[in-house]
């Protein structure tokens, strides 16, 4: 096991984790409903592609980090997880940029008028239901995973390994699900950008 990198201060850590998580949740919730109409001279959906790439990388990092910790390569595990966290911050910035600049896309909206009419819905068939069955848990879990990630990382930084492992058993599969389904959602919705 690695030596603790931080001194334990659960009260301060909890305050910072909860505050940061609430700020991010509120910012994403509010800003995802706002669209800024500005011509940047490039296709703003590049942010969505970047999000898919970042989610793909995070997925790979999470899997390799699990293998590393199972192999007792703790420093490699730590570095991989920290990289996944940094990429997740980049994802968040890119996600907000995409939604601010592109607005919402509607699954099945082939003519890009912002509404999927009856003919468009019929054209996509059951794939619309599949999309929603993937999207809704993705949104809910993406909304709640941040404090779990931060608490899990905090437990590792203070060297509280039993607490870290206990939280990681919850955090890791949810984070992986959110990352993988983020890529799936991108490929399903991107034809309607």
N, C-alpha and C. Protein backbone atom coordinates (compact mmCIF):
# COMPACT_ATOMS: atom_id res chain seq x y z
N UNK A 1 0.84 -1.19 0.00
CA UNK A 1 0.00 0.00 0.00
C UNK A 1 0.88 1.25 0.00
N UNK A 2 0.32 2.31 -0.52
CA UNK A 2 1.04 3.58 -0.57
C UNK A 2 0.88 4.34 0.74
N UNK A 3 1.85 5.17 1.03
CA UNK A 3 1.77 6.03 2.21
C UNK A 3 0.72 7.11 1.98
N UNK A 4 0.06 7.55 3.03
CA UNK A 4 -0.93 8.63 2.86
C UNK A 4 -0.29 9.88 2.28
N UNK A 5 -1.00 10.52 1.35
CA UNK A 5 -0.50 11.75 0.72
C UNK A 5 -1.03 12.98 1.45
N UNK A 6 -2.17 12.84 2.13
CA UNK A 6 -2.79 13.96 2.83
C UNK A 6 -3.01 13.59 4.28
N UNK A 7 -3.11 14.63 5.11
CA UNK A 7 -3.52 14.42 6.50
C UNK A 7 -5.04 14.30 6.53
N UNK A 8 -5.51 13.46 7.40
CA UNK A 8 -6.95 13.23 7.52
C UNK A 8 -7.64 14.46 8.11
N UNK A 9 -8.71 14.89 7.46
CA UNK A 9 -9.56 15.96 7.96
C UNK A 9 -10.95 15.73 7.36
N UNK A 10 -11.67 14.78 7.90
CA UNK A 10 -12.95 14.36 7.34
C UNK A 10 -13.96 15.49 7.27
N UNK A 11 -13.96 16.36 8.27
CA UNK A 11 -14.93 17.46 8.29
C UNK A 11 -14.69 18.41 7.10
N UNK A 12 -13.46 18.82 6.92
CA UNK A 12 -13.12 19.73 5.82
C UNK A 12 -13.33 19.04 4.47
N UNK A 13 -12.91 17.78 4.38
CA UNK A 13 -13.06 17.03 3.13
C UNK A 13 -14.54 16.89 2.77
N UNK A 14 -15.36 16.54 3.74
CA UNK A 14 -16.80 16.39 3.48
C UNK A 14 -17.41 17.71 3.01
N UNK A 15 -17.04 18.80 3.67
CA UNK A 15 -17.56 20.11 3.26
C UNK A 15 -17.16 20.41 1.82
N UNK A 16 -15.89 20.22 1.49
CA UNK A 16 -15.40 20.52 0.13
C UNK A 16 -16.03 19.60 -0.91
N UNK A 17 -16.12 18.32 -0.60
CA UNK A 17 -16.69 17.36 -1.56
C UNK A 17 -18.16 17.65 -1.80
N UNK A 18 -18.92 17.88 -0.76
CA UNK A 18 -20.35 18.17 -0.92
C UNK A 18 -20.56 19.49 -1.63
N UNK A 19 -19.81 20.52 -1.24
CA UNK A 19 -19.94 21.83 -1.88
C UNK A 19 -19.59 21.75 -3.36
N UNK A 20 -18.45 21.15 -3.68
CA UNK A 20 -18.03 21.03 -5.08
C UNK A 20 -19.05 20.22 -5.89
N UNK A 21 -19.52 19.11 -5.33
CA UNK A 21 -20.50 18.26 -6.02
C UNK A 21 -21.80 19.01 -6.29
N UNK A 22 -22.26 19.77 -5.30
CA UNK A 22 -23.49 20.56 -5.49
C UNK A 22 -23.31 21.65 -6.54
N UNK A 23 -22.17 22.33 -6.51
CA UNK A 23 -21.90 23.38 -7.50
C UNK A 23 -21.89 22.79 -8.91
N UNK A 24 -21.21 21.66 -9.07
CA UNK A 24 -21.15 21.01 -10.40
C UNK A 24 -22.55 20.57 -10.82
N UNK A 25 -23.29 19.94 -9.92
CA UNK A 25 -24.64 19.47 -10.25
C UNK A 25 -25.55 20.62 -10.66
N UNK A 26 -25.52 21.70 -9.90
CA UNK A 26 -26.36 22.87 -10.22
C UNK A 26 -25.90 23.51 -11.53
N UNK A 27 -24.60 23.66 -11.71
CA UNK A 27 -24.09 24.27 -12.94
C UNK A 27 -24.49 23.46 -14.17
N UNK A 28 -24.33 22.15 -14.10
CA UNK A 28 -24.70 21.30 -15.24
C UNK A 28 -26.20 21.35 -15.47
N UNK A 29 -26.98 21.29 -14.40
CA UNK A 29 -28.44 21.32 -14.53
C UNK A 29 -28.92 22.63 -15.16
N UNK A 30 -28.38 23.74 -14.70
CA UNK A 30 -28.80 25.05 -15.21
C UNK A 30 -28.26 25.29 -16.61
N UNK A 31 -26.97 25.07 -16.79
CA UNK A 31 -26.35 25.39 -18.08
C UNK A 31 -26.78 24.46 -19.20
N UNK A 32 -27.25 23.25 -18.87
CA UNK A 32 -27.71 22.35 -19.94
C UNK A 32 -29.03 22.81 -20.52
N UNK A 33 -29.70 23.76 -19.86
CA UNK A 33 -30.98 24.29 -20.36
C UNK A 33 -30.81 25.63 -21.07
N UNK A 34 -29.58 26.09 -21.15
CA UNK A 34 -29.28 27.37 -21.78
C UNK A 34 -28.53 27.13 -23.08
N UNK A 35 -28.87 27.88 -24.10
CA UNK A 35 -28.11 27.79 -25.35
C UNK A 35 -27.63 29.19 -25.72
N UNK A 36 -26.35 29.28 -26.01
CA UNK A 36 -25.74 30.53 -26.45
C UNK A 36 -25.57 30.44 -27.96
N UNK A 37 -26.23 31.33 -28.67
CA UNK A 37 -26.15 31.33 -30.14
C UNK A 37 -24.97 32.20 -30.56
N UNK A 38 -23.90 31.55 -30.92
CA UNK A 38 -22.70 32.27 -31.37
C UNK A 38 -22.01 31.40 -32.42
N UNK A 39 -21.51 32.04 -33.47
CA UNK A 39 -20.79 31.32 -34.51
C UNK A 39 -19.30 31.33 -34.18
N UNK A 40 -18.79 30.16 -33.84
CA UNK A 40 -17.38 30.04 -33.49
C UNK A 40 -16.50 29.71 -34.70
N UNK A 41 -17.14 29.50 -35.84
CA UNK A 41 -16.38 29.19 -37.04
C UNK A 41 -16.02 27.72 -37.17
N UNK A 42 -16.57 26.89 -36.31
CA UNK A 42 -16.36 25.44 -36.41
C UNK A 42 -17.60 24.73 -35.88
N UNK A 43 -17.70 23.46 -36.20
CA UNK A 43 -18.85 22.66 -35.77
C UNK A 43 -18.76 22.42 -34.26
N UNK A 44 -19.71 22.97 -33.53
CA UNK A 44 -19.67 22.86 -32.06
C UNK A 44 -19.88 21.43 -31.57
N UNK A 45 -20.30 20.54 -32.45
CA UNK A 45 -20.47 19.14 -32.05
C UNK A 45 -19.12 18.44 -31.90
N UNK A 46 -18.04 19.15 -32.19
CA UNK A 46 -16.71 18.62 -31.92
C UNK A 46 -16.56 18.35 -30.43
N UNK A 47 -17.27 19.13 -29.61
CA UNK A 47 -17.24 18.90 -28.16
C UNK A 47 -17.86 17.55 -27.81
N UNK A 48 -18.93 17.18 -28.50
CA UNK A 48 -19.56 15.88 -28.26
C UNK A 48 -18.62 14.75 -28.65
N UNK A 49 -17.90 14.92 -29.77
CA UNK A 49 -16.92 13.91 -30.17
C UNK A 49 -15.81 13.82 -29.12
N UNK A 50 -15.36 14.97 -28.65
CA UNK A 50 -14.33 14.99 -27.61
C UNK A 50 -14.83 14.26 -26.37
N UNK A 51 -16.10 14.46 -26.02
CA UNK A 51 -16.68 13.78 -24.86
C UNK A 51 -16.65 12.27 -25.03
N UNK A 52 -16.98 11.80 -26.25
CA UNK A 52 -16.96 10.36 -26.52
C UNK A 52 -15.54 9.81 -26.41
N UNK A 53 -14.58 10.55 -26.93
CA UNK A 53 -13.18 10.11 -26.84
C UNK A 53 -12.74 10.08 -25.37
N UNK A 54 -13.07 11.14 -24.65
CA UNK A 54 -12.69 11.20 -23.22
C UNK A 54 -13.34 10.05 -22.45
N UNK A 55 -14.63 9.82 -22.68
CA UNK A 55 -15.31 8.71 -21.99
C UNK A 55 -14.68 7.37 -22.34
N UNK A 56 -14.27 7.21 -23.59
CA UNK A 56 -13.60 5.97 -24.00
C UNK A 56 -12.29 5.80 -23.24
N UNK A 57 -11.52 6.88 -23.17
CA UNK A 57 -10.24 6.83 -22.44
C UNK A 57 -10.45 6.54 -20.96
N UNK A 58 -11.44 7.19 -20.37
CA UNK A 58 -11.74 6.96 -18.95
C UNK A 58 -12.13 5.50 -18.73
N UNK A 59 -12.93 4.94 -19.63
CA UNK A 59 -13.32 3.53 -19.51
C UNK A 59 -12.10 2.62 -19.50
N UNK A 60 -11.20 2.86 -20.44
CA UNK A 60 -9.98 2.05 -20.53
C UNK A 60 -9.13 2.23 -19.27
N UNK A 61 -8.99 3.48 -18.83
CA UNK A 61 -8.20 3.75 -17.62
C UNK A 61 -8.78 3.05 -16.40
N UNK A 62 -10.09 3.07 -16.27
CA UNK A 62 -10.72 2.40 -15.13
C UNK A 62 -10.46 0.90 -15.14
N UNK A 63 -10.54 0.29 -16.30
CA UNK A 63 -10.30 -1.15 -16.41
C UNK A 63 -8.84 -1.47 -16.13
N UNK A 64 -7.92 -0.70 -16.73
CA UNK A 64 -6.49 -0.94 -16.49
C UNK A 64 -6.13 -0.67 -15.03
N UNK A 65 -6.74 0.34 -14.43
CA UNK A 65 -6.49 0.64 -13.02
C UNK A 65 -6.97 -0.50 -12.12
N UNK A 66 -8.08 -1.12 -12.46
CA UNK A 66 -8.56 -2.26 -11.69
C UNK A 66 -7.56 -3.42 -11.79
N UNK A 67 -7.09 -3.67 -13.00
CA UNK A 67 -6.08 -4.72 -13.19
C UNK A 67 -4.82 -4.41 -12.39
N UNK A 68 -4.41 -3.14 -12.41
CA UNK A 68 -3.20 -2.72 -11.68
C UNK A 68 -3.35 -2.96 -10.18
N UNK A 69 -4.48 -2.57 -9.61
CA UNK A 69 -4.65 -2.75 -8.16
C UNK A 69 -4.76 -4.22 -7.80
N UNK A 70 -5.39 -5.01 -8.66
CA UNK A 70 -5.47 -6.45 -8.40
C UNK A 70 -4.09 -7.09 -8.47
N UNK A 71 -3.18 -6.47 -9.24
CA UNK A 71 -1.80 -6.96 -9.37
C UNK A 71 -0.87 -6.33 -8.34
N UNK A 72 -1.45 -5.58 -7.42
CA UNK A 72 -0.72 -4.89 -6.35
C UNK A 72 0.26 -3.83 -6.88
N UNK A 73 -0.05 -3.27 -8.01
CA UNK A 73 0.73 -2.16 -8.58
C UNK A 73 0.03 -0.86 -8.17
N UNK A 74 0.19 -0.51 -6.91
CA UNK A 74 -0.59 0.57 -6.31
C UNK A 74 -0.25 1.94 -6.87
N UNK A 75 1.00 2.22 -7.15
CA UNK A 75 1.37 3.52 -7.71
C UNK A 75 0.79 3.67 -9.11
N UNK A 76 0.87 2.61 -9.91
CA UNK A 76 0.27 2.65 -11.25
C UNK A 76 -1.23 2.85 -11.14
N UNK A 77 -1.88 2.14 -10.22
CA UNK A 77 -3.32 2.30 -10.00
C UNK A 77 -3.66 3.75 -9.66
N UNK A 78 -2.89 4.33 -8.73
CA UNK A 78 -3.13 5.71 -8.32
C UNK A 78 -2.99 6.66 -9.51
N UNK A 79 -1.93 6.49 -10.29
CA UNK A 79 -1.70 7.38 -11.44
C UNK A 79 -2.79 7.23 -12.50
N UNK A 80 -3.23 6.02 -12.73
CA UNK A 80 -4.31 5.80 -13.70
C UNK A 80 -5.61 6.43 -13.22
N UNK A 81 -5.92 6.28 -11.94
CA UNK A 81 -7.15 6.84 -11.40
C UNK A 81 -7.11 8.38 -11.39
N UNK A 82 -5.95 8.93 -11.06
CA UNK A 82 -5.83 10.40 -11.08
C UNK A 82 -5.98 10.92 -12.51
N UNK A 83 -5.44 10.19 -13.48
CA UNK A 83 -5.59 10.57 -14.88
C UNK A 83 -7.06 10.50 -15.29
N UNK A 84 -7.76 9.47 -14.83
CA UNK A 84 -9.20 9.34 -15.12
C UNK A 84 -9.97 10.51 -14.52
N UNK A 85 -9.57 10.95 -13.34
CA UNK A 85 -10.24 12.10 -12.70
C UNK A 85 -9.98 13.39 -13.48
N UNK A 86 -8.75 13.60 -13.91
CA UNK A 86 -8.42 14.80 -14.70
C UNK A 86 -9.19 14.79 -16.02
N UNK A 87 -9.23 13.64 -16.68
CA UNK A 87 -10.00 13.54 -17.92
C UNK A 87 -11.49 13.79 -17.68
N UNK A 88 -11.98 13.36 -16.54
CA UNK A 88 -13.39 13.60 -16.22
C UNK A 88 -13.68 15.08 -16.02
N UNK A 89 -12.71 15.82 -15.50
CA UNK A 89 -12.87 17.28 -15.38
C UNK A 89 -12.90 17.90 -16.77
N UNK A 90 -12.01 17.45 -17.65
CA UNK A 90 -12.02 17.94 -19.05
C UNK A 90 -13.34 17.60 -19.72
N UNK A 91 -13.85 16.39 -19.45
CA UNK A 91 -15.14 15.99 -19.98
C UNK A 91 -16.23 16.97 -19.53
N UNK A 92 -16.23 17.29 -18.27
CA UNK A 92 -17.25 18.19 -17.72
C UNK A 92 -17.23 19.54 -18.43
N UNK A 93 -16.05 20.10 -18.63
CA UNK A 93 -15.93 21.39 -19.32
C UNK A 93 -16.43 21.26 -20.76
N UNK A 94 -16.02 20.20 -21.44
CA UNK A 94 -16.44 19.98 -22.82
C UNK A 94 -17.95 19.74 -22.91
N UNK A 95 -18.50 19.00 -21.95
CA UNK A 95 -19.94 18.73 -21.91
C UNK A 95 -20.73 20.03 -21.78
N UNK A 96 -20.30 20.87 -20.87
CA UNK A 96 -20.98 22.16 -20.67
C UNK A 96 -20.86 23.01 -21.94
N UNK A 97 -19.68 23.05 -22.53
CA UNK A 97 -19.50 23.81 -23.78
C UNK A 97 -20.43 23.31 -24.87
N UNK A 98 -20.52 22.00 -25.02
CA UNK A 98 -21.38 21.43 -26.06
C UNK A 98 -22.83 21.82 -25.85
N UNK A 99 -23.31 21.66 -24.63
CA UNK A 99 -24.72 21.97 -24.39
C UNK A 99 -25.00 23.47 -24.46
N UNK A 100 -24.06 24.29 -24.04
CA UNK A 100 -24.24 25.74 -24.15
C UNK A 100 -24.30 26.18 -25.61
N UNK A 101 -23.46 25.58 -26.44
CA UNK A 101 -23.34 26.04 -27.83
C UNK A 101 -24.26 25.31 -28.79
N UNK A 102 -24.58 24.05 -28.51
CA UNK A 102 -25.38 23.26 -29.44
C UNK A 102 -26.82 23.09 -28.99
N UNK A 103 -27.07 23.25 -27.72
CA UNK A 103 -28.43 23.00 -27.22
C UNK A 103 -28.72 21.52 -27.16
N UNK A 104 -29.98 21.19 -26.97
CA UNK A 104 -30.39 19.79 -26.86
C UNK A 104 -30.66 19.20 -28.24
N UNK A 105 -30.36 17.94 -28.39
CA UNK A 105 -30.71 17.20 -29.60
C UNK A 105 -31.80 16.21 -29.24
N UNK A 106 -32.68 15.95 -30.19
CA UNK A 106 -33.80 15.05 -29.97
C UNK A 106 -33.58 13.78 -30.77
N UNK A 107 -33.63 12.64 -30.09
CA UNK A 107 -33.41 11.37 -30.77
C UNK A 107 -34.51 11.14 -31.80
N UNK A 108 -34.09 10.88 -33.02
CA UNK A 108 -35.03 10.63 -34.11
C UNK A 108 -35.34 11.85 -34.95
N UNK A 109 -34.90 13.02 -34.54
CA UNK A 109 -35.19 14.27 -35.25
C UNK A 109 -34.33 14.38 -36.51
N UNK A 110 -34.73 13.65 -37.53
CA UNK A 110 -33.94 13.55 -38.77
C UNK A 110 -33.84 14.88 -39.52
N UNK A 111 -34.86 15.73 -39.42
CA UNK A 111 -34.81 17.01 -40.14
C UNK A 111 -34.24 18.14 -39.28
N UNK A 112 -33.81 17.82 -38.07
CA UNK A 112 -33.12 18.76 -37.17
C UNK A 112 -33.92 20.03 -36.86
N UNK A 113 -35.25 19.86 -36.70
CA UNK A 113 -36.07 21.01 -36.35
C UNK A 113 -36.34 21.10 -34.85
N UNK A 114 -35.73 20.20 -34.08
CA UNK A 114 -35.87 20.22 -32.62
C UNK A 114 -37.03 19.40 -32.10
N UNK A 115 -37.78 18.74 -33.00
CA UNK A 115 -38.93 17.94 -32.60
C UNK A 115 -38.91 16.64 -33.40
N UNK A 116 -39.14 15.54 -32.72
CA UNK A 116 -39.30 14.26 -33.43
C UNK A 116 -40.80 14.06 -33.64
N UNK A 117 -41.25 14.27 -34.88
CA UNK A 117 -42.68 14.10 -35.16
C UNK A 117 -43.01 12.61 -35.29
N UNK A 118 -44.29 12.31 -35.50
CA UNK A 118 -44.76 10.93 -35.53
C UNK A 118 -44.04 10.11 -36.60
N UNK A 119 -43.81 10.69 -37.77
CA UNK A 119 -43.13 9.96 -38.85
C UNK A 119 -41.67 9.67 -38.48
N UNK A 120 -41.01 10.63 -37.84
CA UNK A 120 -39.61 10.43 -37.44
C UNK A 120 -39.51 9.39 -36.33
N UNK A 121 -40.46 9.42 -35.40
CA UNK A 121 -40.48 8.44 -34.32
C UNK A 121 -40.73 7.04 -34.89
N UNK A 122 -41.64 6.94 -35.84
CA UNK A 122 -41.92 5.65 -36.47
C UNK A 122 -40.68 5.16 -37.23
N UNK A 123 -39.94 6.08 -37.83
CA UNK A 123 -38.76 5.69 -38.61
C UNK A 123 -37.66 5.08 -37.74
N UNK A 124 -37.52 5.56 -36.51
CA UNK A 124 -36.46 5.02 -35.64
C UNK A 124 -36.95 3.79 -34.86
N UNK A 125 -38.25 3.60 -34.80
CA UNK A 125 -38.80 2.40 -34.17
C UNK A 125 -38.40 2.23 -32.72
N UNK A 126 -38.09 0.99 -32.37
CA UNK A 126 -37.80 0.66 -30.97
C UNK A 126 -36.44 1.18 -30.50
N UNK A 127 -35.60 1.63 -31.43
CA UNK A 127 -34.29 2.15 -31.01
C UNK A 127 -34.44 3.38 -30.12
N UNK A 128 -35.54 4.11 -30.27
CA UNK A 128 -35.80 5.27 -29.41
C UNK A 128 -36.01 4.82 -27.95
N UNK A 129 -36.72 3.72 -27.77
CA UNK A 129 -36.93 3.18 -26.43
C UNK A 129 -35.61 2.68 -25.85
N UNK A 130 -34.82 1.99 -26.67
CA UNK A 130 -33.52 1.51 -26.22
C UNK A 130 -32.63 2.69 -25.81
N UNK A 131 -32.65 3.73 -26.64
CA UNK A 131 -31.86 4.93 -26.34
C UNK A 131 -32.27 5.49 -24.97
N UNK A 132 -33.55 5.61 -24.74
CA UNK A 132 -34.03 6.16 -23.46
C UNK A 132 -33.70 5.25 -22.28
N UNK A 133 -33.76 3.93 -22.50
CA UNK A 133 -33.42 2.99 -21.43
C UNK A 133 -31.94 3.07 -21.05
N UNK A 134 -31.11 3.47 -21.98
CA UNK A 134 -29.69 3.69 -21.69
C UNK A 134 -29.48 5.08 -21.12
N UNK A 135 -30.15 6.08 -21.69
CA UNK A 135 -29.95 7.48 -21.33
C UNK A 135 -30.38 7.79 -19.89
N UNK A 136 -31.56 7.36 -19.48
CA UNK A 136 -32.08 7.78 -18.17
C UNK A 136 -31.22 7.29 -17.00
N UNK A 137 -30.83 5.99 -16.96
CA UNK A 137 -29.93 5.60 -15.86
C UNK A 137 -28.57 6.29 -15.96
N UNK A 138 -28.12 6.54 -17.19
CA UNK A 138 -26.86 7.25 -17.39
C UNK A 138 -26.92 8.64 -16.75
N UNK A 139 -28.00 9.36 -17.00
CA UNK A 139 -28.15 10.71 -16.45
C UNK A 139 -28.21 10.68 -14.92
N UNK A 140 -29.01 9.78 -14.38
CA UNK A 140 -29.15 9.70 -12.92
C UNK A 140 -27.80 9.34 -12.28
N UNK A 141 -27.15 8.32 -12.81
CA UNK A 141 -25.88 7.88 -12.22
C UNK A 141 -24.77 8.91 -12.42
N UNK A 142 -24.78 9.59 -13.57
CA UNK A 142 -23.79 10.66 -13.79
C UNK A 142 -24.00 11.79 -12.79
N UNK A 143 -25.25 12.01 -12.43
CA UNK A 143 -25.57 13.06 -11.47
C UNK A 143 -25.16 12.76 -10.05
N UNK A 144 -25.06 11.48 -9.70
CA UNK A 144 -24.73 11.12 -8.32
C UNK A 144 -23.31 10.58 -8.14
N UNK A 145 -22.59 10.31 -9.21
CA UNK A 145 -21.30 9.64 -9.07
C UNK A 145 -20.19 10.55 -8.54
N UNK A 146 -20.25 11.84 -8.81
CA UNK A 146 -19.14 12.73 -8.45
C UNK A 146 -18.75 12.66 -6.96
N UNK A 147 -19.68 12.81 -6.02
CA UNK A 147 -19.24 12.73 -4.63
C UNK A 147 -18.66 11.36 -4.27
N UNK A 148 -19.16 10.30 -4.88
CA UNK A 148 -18.59 8.97 -4.64
C UNK A 148 -17.14 8.91 -5.11
N UNK A 149 -16.88 9.46 -6.30
CA UNK A 149 -15.51 9.48 -6.83
C UNK A 149 -14.61 10.27 -5.89
N UNK A 150 -15.08 11.43 -5.47
CA UNK A 150 -14.25 12.29 -4.61
C UNK A 150 -14.01 11.67 -3.24
N UNK A 151 -15.05 11.07 -2.63
CA UNK A 151 -14.85 10.41 -1.34
C UNK A 151 -13.91 9.21 -1.47
N UNK A 152 -14.05 8.46 -2.55
CA UNK A 152 -13.17 7.31 -2.77
C UNK A 152 -11.73 7.76 -2.92
N UNK A 153 -11.51 8.82 -3.69
CA UNK A 153 -10.15 9.35 -3.87
C UNK A 153 -9.61 9.90 -2.55
N UNK A 154 -10.46 10.58 -1.80
CA UNK A 154 -10.03 11.12 -0.51
C UNK A 154 -9.58 10.00 0.42
N UNK A 155 -10.36 8.93 0.49
CA UNK A 155 -9.98 7.80 1.35
C UNK A 155 -8.62 7.23 0.94
N UNK A 156 -8.34 7.21 -0.35
CA UNK A 156 -7.03 6.73 -0.81
C UNK A 156 -5.93 7.72 -0.43
N UNK A 157 -6.21 9.01 -0.58
CA UNK A 157 -5.19 10.03 -0.29
C UNK A 157 -4.80 10.06 1.18
N UNK A 158 -5.73 9.71 2.07
CA UNK A 158 -5.40 9.71 3.50
C UNK A 158 -4.94 8.33 3.97
N UNK A 159 -4.91 7.37 3.04
CA UNK A 159 -4.43 6.03 3.37
C UNK A 159 -5.41 5.19 4.16
N UNK A 160 -6.68 5.50 4.08
CA UNK A 160 -7.70 4.69 4.76
C UNK A 160 -8.18 3.63 3.78
N UNK A 161 -7.39 2.56 3.69
CA UNK A 161 -7.60 1.56 2.65
C UNK A 161 -8.89 0.77 2.80
N UNK A 162 -9.31 0.37 4.01
CA UNK A 162 -10.60 -0.34 4.09
C UNK A 162 -11.77 0.52 3.57
N UNK A 163 -11.79 1.80 3.96
CA UNK A 163 -12.85 2.71 3.49
C UNK A 163 -12.75 2.95 2.00
N UNK A 164 -11.52 3.05 1.51
CA UNK A 164 -11.31 3.25 0.07
C UNK A 164 -11.85 2.05 -0.72
N UNK A 165 -11.48 0.84 -0.30
CA UNK A 165 -11.93 -0.37 -1.00
C UNK A 165 -13.45 -0.50 -0.95
N UNK A 166 -14.03 -0.22 0.21
CA UNK A 166 -15.48 -0.33 0.37
C UNK A 166 -16.20 0.62 -0.59
N UNK A 167 -15.76 1.87 -0.64
CA UNK A 167 -16.37 2.85 -1.55
C UNK A 167 -16.08 2.51 -3.01
N UNK A 168 -14.87 2.04 -3.29
CA UNK A 168 -14.49 1.73 -4.68
C UNK A 168 -15.36 0.63 -5.26
N UNK A 169 -15.82 -0.29 -4.42
CA UNK A 169 -16.70 -1.36 -4.90
C UNK A 169 -18.04 -0.82 -5.41
N UNK A 170 -18.42 0.34 -4.92
CA UNK A 170 -19.64 1.01 -5.39
C UNK A 170 -19.30 1.97 -6.52
N UNK A 171 -18.27 2.77 -6.32
CA UNK A 171 -17.92 3.83 -7.25
C UNK A 171 -17.46 3.31 -8.60
N UNK A 172 -16.55 2.35 -8.59
CA UNK A 172 -15.92 1.89 -9.83
C UNK A 172 -16.94 1.40 -10.86
N UNK A 173 -17.86 0.47 -10.52
CA UNK A 173 -18.80 0.01 -11.55
C UNK A 173 -19.75 1.10 -12.04
N UNK A 174 -20.14 2.01 -11.15
CA UNK A 174 -21.03 3.09 -11.58
C UNK A 174 -20.29 4.03 -12.52
N UNK A 175 -19.06 4.39 -12.16
CA UNK A 175 -18.25 5.28 -13.00
C UNK A 175 -18.01 4.63 -14.36
N UNK A 176 -17.68 3.34 -14.36
CA UNK A 176 -17.46 2.64 -15.64
C UNK A 176 -18.75 2.62 -16.46
N UNK A 177 -19.89 2.35 -15.83
CA UNK A 177 -21.16 2.35 -16.55
C UNK A 177 -21.43 3.72 -17.18
N UNK A 178 -21.22 4.78 -16.42
CA UNK A 178 -21.45 6.13 -16.93
C UNK A 178 -20.53 6.42 -18.11
N UNK A 179 -19.26 6.05 -18.00
CA UNK A 179 -18.31 6.31 -19.07
C UNK A 179 -18.66 5.52 -20.34
N UNK A 180 -18.94 4.23 -20.19
CA UNK A 180 -19.25 3.39 -21.35
C UNK A 180 -20.56 3.81 -22.00
N UNK A 181 -21.59 4.03 -21.20
CA UNK A 181 -22.88 4.43 -21.78
C UNK A 181 -22.80 5.83 -22.39
N UNK A 182 -21.90 6.66 -21.90
CA UNK A 182 -21.70 7.97 -22.52
C UNK A 182 -21.27 7.83 -23.97
N UNK A 183 -20.41 6.88 -24.25
CA UNK A 183 -19.96 6.63 -25.62
C UNK A 183 -21.10 6.06 -26.46
N UNK A 184 -21.84 5.12 -25.88
CA UNK A 184 -22.98 4.52 -26.60
C UNK A 184 -24.01 5.60 -26.94
N UNK A 185 -24.31 6.45 -25.98
CA UNK A 185 -25.27 7.52 -26.19
C UNK A 185 -24.80 8.46 -27.29
N UNK A 186 -23.52 8.79 -27.30
CA UNK A 186 -22.98 9.65 -28.36
C UNK A 186 -23.24 9.03 -29.73
N UNK A 187 -22.91 7.76 -29.90
CA UNK A 187 -23.09 7.13 -31.21
C UNK A 187 -24.57 7.04 -31.59
N UNK A 188 -25.45 6.90 -30.61
CA UNK A 188 -26.87 6.82 -30.92
C UNK A 188 -27.46 8.18 -31.28
N UNK A 189 -27.04 9.26 -30.58
CA UNK A 189 -27.64 10.57 -30.80
C UNK A 189 -26.94 11.39 -31.88
N UNK A 190 -25.69 11.09 -32.18
CA UNK A 190 -24.93 11.94 -33.10
C UNK A 190 -25.53 12.09 -34.50
N UNK A 191 -26.27 11.13 -35.03
CA UNK A 191 -26.91 11.38 -36.34
C UNK A 191 -27.95 12.51 -36.30
N UNK A 192 -28.39 12.87 -35.10
CA UNK A 192 -29.43 13.88 -34.97
C UNK A 192 -28.89 15.24 -34.54
N UNK A 193 -27.56 15.40 -34.58
CA UNK A 193 -26.95 16.71 -34.30
C UNK A 193 -27.14 17.61 -35.49
